[in-house]
Each structure stands twice: as C-alpha cells, then as structure tokens.
Amino acid sequence: MVRLPGAEEVYLVTETRLLPWTPHGYAPGRPREPGTVELVTPPSTVDVLLAGYQPMLHPSAFGTG
C-alpha cells in the first residue's frame, strides 16, 4: 500500500493500476505512473511479497464484489 504525495488515500499497487482502499473495498483507481510515493506497507511485509508470497485480495480489487 502506498500514499501519493499530499493525498490522504492509500492505494493498493497492482501491475498496471493504483486502487484506492475504501471501507467498502477497492475503488476502480487510476493508472500507475512514474513518481515518488510513501510506502505504507511495513518493509518486512514487502520483503515477504518480493519473496513470492501472493496474498488473497478482496474481490473488489478485481472489479467484483
């Protein structure tokens, strides 16, 4: 999860999009673009993801649910 400069929302990073988290799930989001973001996910969790762990995501991350 990341936060864009000056933003309050946090976003799930996918291969092509940034999906804003809401209390009801993920919203459609916006395309990923180069730039600087604030990492919200703890570094130890990022290490696990980089090692290949694939978490289960809420169905809204896929446009359903």
N, C-alpha and C. Protein backbone atom coordinates (compact mmCIF):
# COMPACT_ATOMS: atom_id res chain seq x y z
N MET A 1 0.85 -1.16 0.00
CA MET A 1 0.00 0.00 0.00
C MET A 1 0.90 1.23 0.00
N VAL A 2 0.47 2.23 -0.74
CA VAL A 2 1.24 3.47 -0.84
C VAL A 2 0.32 4.67 -0.69
N ARG A 3 0.91 5.80 -0.40
CA ARG A 3 0.19 7.08 -0.36
C ARG A 3 0.90 8.02 -1.33
N LEU A 4 0.13 8.70 -2.16
CA LEU A 4 0.69 9.68 -3.08
C LEU A 4 1.00 10.97 -2.33
N PRO A 5 1.98 11.74 -2.79
CA PRO A 5 2.31 12.99 -2.12
C PRO A 5 1.08 13.89 -1.96
N GLY A 6 0.85 14.35 -0.75
CA GLY A 6 -0.25 15.26 -0.48
C GLY A 6 -1.63 14.62 -0.41
N ALA A 7 -1.71 13.29 -0.58
CA ALA A 7 -3.01 12.61 -0.58
C ALA A 7 -3.29 12.00 0.79
N GLU A 8 -4.57 11.83 1.08
CA GLU A 8 -4.98 11.14 2.30
C GLU A 8 -5.25 9.67 2.03
N GLU A 9 -5.66 9.33 0.80
CA GLU A 9 -5.99 7.96 0.46
C GLU A 9 -4.74 7.08 0.42
N VAL A 10 -4.97 5.80 0.65
CA VAL A 10 -3.91 4.82 0.43
C VAL A 10 -4.35 3.93 -0.73
N TYR A 11 -3.39 3.45 -1.48
CA TYR A 11 -3.65 2.70 -2.70
C TYR A 11 -2.97 1.34 -2.68
N LEU A 12 -3.67 0.36 -3.21
CA LEU A 12 -3.09 -0.94 -3.49
C LEU A 12 -2.36 -0.81 -4.82
N VAL A 13 -1.14 -1.27 -4.89
CA VAL A 13 -0.36 -1.22 -6.13
C VAL A 13 -0.54 -2.53 -6.87
N THR A 14 -1.07 -2.45 -8.10
CA THR A 14 -1.15 -3.63 -8.96
C THR A 14 -0.15 -3.44 -10.11
N GLU A 15 -0.12 -4.38 -11.02
CA GLU A 15 0.82 -4.26 -12.14
C GLU A 15 0.58 -3.02 -12.98
N THR A 16 -0.68 -2.61 -13.10
CA THR A 16 -1.00 -1.50 -14.00
C THR A 16 -1.75 -0.35 -13.35
N ARG A 17 -2.28 -0.56 -12.14
CA ARG A 17 -3.15 0.46 -11.55
C ARG A 17 -2.83 0.69 -10.07
N LEU A 18 -3.31 1.82 -9.58
CA LEU A 18 -3.34 2.13 -8.15
C LEU A 18 -4.81 2.12 -7.76
N LEU A 19 -5.19 1.22 -6.85
CA LEU A 19 -6.58 1.09 -6.45
C LEU A 19 -6.76 1.68 -5.05
N PRO A 20 -7.57 2.73 -4.91
CA PRO A 20 -7.76 3.32 -3.59
C PRO A 20 -8.57 2.38 -2.69
N TRP A 21 -8.11 2.27 -1.44
CA TRP A 21 -8.83 1.47 -0.46
C TRP A 21 -9.95 2.31 0.13
N THR A 22 -11.13 1.70 0.31
CA THR A 22 -12.25 2.34 0.99
C THR A 22 -12.78 1.33 2.01
N PRO A 23 -13.59 1.77 2.96
CA PRO A 23 -14.18 0.81 3.90
C PRO A 23 -15.05 -0.25 3.23
N HIS A 24 -15.43 -0.03 1.96
CA HIS A 24 -16.28 -0.97 1.23
C HIS A 24 -15.50 -1.82 0.24
N GLY A 25 -14.20 -1.69 0.22
CA GLY A 25 -13.36 -2.42 -0.72
C GLY A 25 -12.54 -1.45 -1.55
N TYR A 26 -12.00 -1.94 -2.65
CA TYR A 26 -11.16 -1.11 -3.52
C TYR A 26 -12.02 -0.44 -4.58
N ALA A 27 -11.70 0.82 -4.88
CA ALA A 27 -12.38 1.57 -5.94
C ALA A 27 -11.61 1.36 -7.25
N PRO A 28 -12.19 1.73 -8.40
CA PRO A 28 -11.55 1.48 -9.70
C PRO A 28 -10.12 2.00 -9.84
N GLY A 29 -9.81 3.14 -9.30
CA GLY A 29 -8.42 3.58 -9.30
C GLY A 29 -7.98 4.36 -10.51
N ARG A 30 -6.67 4.38 -10.65
CA ARG A 30 -6.02 5.18 -11.68
C ARG A 30 -4.81 4.42 -12.21
N PRO A 31 -4.37 4.76 -13.42
CA PRO A 31 -3.18 4.09 -13.97
C PRO A 31 -1.94 4.38 -13.12
N ARG A 32 -1.05 3.42 -13.08
CA ARG A 32 0.25 3.64 -12.41
C ARG A 32 1.08 4.56 -13.29
N GLU A 33 1.76 5.49 -12.64
CA GLU A 33 2.65 6.40 -13.36
C GLU A 33 3.94 6.52 -12.57
N PRO A 34 5.05 6.82 -13.24
CA PRO A 34 6.30 7.01 -12.50
C PRO A 34 6.18 8.15 -11.50
N GLY A 35 6.85 8.02 -10.39
CA GLY A 35 6.83 9.08 -9.40
C GLY A 35 7.19 8.56 -8.03
N THR A 36 7.20 9.44 -7.08
CA THR A 36 7.55 9.11 -5.71
C THR A 36 6.28 8.94 -4.89
N VAL A 37 6.26 7.89 -4.07
CA VAL A 37 5.14 7.62 -3.18
C VAL A 37 5.67 7.32 -1.79
N GLU A 38 4.80 7.37 -0.81
CA GLU A 38 5.14 6.98 0.56
C GLU A 38 4.71 5.53 0.75
N LEU A 39 5.63 4.67 1.15
CA LEU A 39 5.30 3.27 1.41
C LEU A 39 4.57 3.18 2.74
N VAL A 40 3.37 2.59 2.72
CA VAL A 40 2.58 2.42 3.93
C VAL A 40 2.72 0.99 4.47
N THR A 41 2.89 0.04 3.57
CA THR A 41 3.09 -1.36 3.97
C THR A 41 4.41 -1.49 4.71
N PRO A 42 4.43 -2.21 5.83
CA PRO A 42 5.69 -2.40 6.55
C PRO A 42 6.75 -3.07 5.68
N PRO A 43 8.01 -2.63 5.78
CA PRO A 43 9.08 -3.22 4.96
C PRO A 43 9.19 -4.74 5.08
N SER A 44 8.95 -5.29 6.25
CA SER A 44 9.03 -6.75 6.40
C SER A 44 7.95 -7.45 5.56
N THR A 45 6.78 -6.84 5.42
CA THR A 45 5.73 -7.41 4.58
C THR A 45 6.11 -7.29 3.10
N VAL A 46 6.72 -6.18 2.72
CA VAL A 46 7.20 -6.02 1.34
C VAL A 46 8.22 -7.11 1.02
N ASP A 47 9.11 -7.41 1.96
CA ASP A 47 10.10 -8.48 1.75
C ASP A 47 9.42 -9.81 1.46
N VAL A 48 8.37 -10.12 2.21
CA VAL A 48 7.64 -11.38 2.01
C VAL A 48 6.99 -11.39 0.62
N LEU A 49 6.41 -10.27 0.22
CA LEU A 49 5.80 -10.18 -1.11
C LEU A 49 6.85 -10.34 -2.20
N LEU A 50 8.00 -9.72 -2.03
CA LEU A 50 9.08 -9.83 -3.02
C LEU A 50 9.63 -11.25 -3.10
N ALA A 51 9.51 -12.00 -2.00
CA ALA A 51 9.97 -13.39 -1.98
C ALA A 51 8.99 -14.33 -2.66
N GLY A 52 7.82 -13.80 -3.08
CA GLY A 52 6.89 -14.61 -3.85
C GLY A 52 5.54 -14.87 -3.21
N TYR A 53 5.34 -14.45 -1.96
CA TYR A 53 4.04 -14.67 -1.33
C TYR A 53 2.97 -13.89 -2.10
N GLN A 54 1.85 -14.55 -2.38
CA GLN A 54 0.75 -13.91 -3.10
C GLN A 54 -0.46 -13.87 -2.18
N PRO A 55 -0.77 -12.70 -1.62
CA PRO A 55 -1.89 -12.60 -0.69
C PRO A 55 -3.24 -12.72 -1.40
N MET A 56 -4.25 -13.11 -0.64
CA MET A 56 -5.61 -13.08 -1.15
C MET A 56 -6.07 -11.63 -1.09
N LEU A 57 -6.70 -11.17 -2.16
CA LEU A 57 -7.21 -9.80 -2.22
C LEU A 57 -8.73 -9.81 -2.21
N HIS A 58 -9.29 -8.74 -1.69
CA HIS A 58 -10.74 -8.57 -1.69
C HIS A 58 -11.22 -8.61 -3.14
N PRO A 59 -12.39 -9.21 -3.41
CA PRO A 59 -12.89 -9.28 -4.81
C PRO A 59 -12.97 -7.94 -5.50
N SER A 60 -13.15 -6.86 -4.76
CA SER A 60 -13.24 -5.54 -5.39
C SER A 60 -11.93 -5.13 -6.08
N ALA A 61 -10.81 -5.75 -5.71
CA ALA A 61 -9.54 -5.46 -6.37
C ALA A 61 -9.56 -5.95 -7.81
N PHE A 62 -10.50 -6.85 -8.11
CA PHE A 62 -10.62 -7.42 -9.45
C PHE A 62 -11.86 -6.88 -10.17
N GLY A 63 -12.50 -5.87 -9.57
CA GLY A 63 -13.67 -5.27 -10.18
C GLY A 63 -14.97 -6.01 -9.86
N THR A 64 -14.92 -6.91 -8.86
CA THR A 64 -16.12 -7.62 -8.45
C THR A 64 -16.30 -7.49 -6.95
N GLY A 65 -17.44 -7.82 -6.45
CA GLY A 65 -17.66 -7.84 -5.00
C GLY A 65 -17.95 -6.52 -4.48
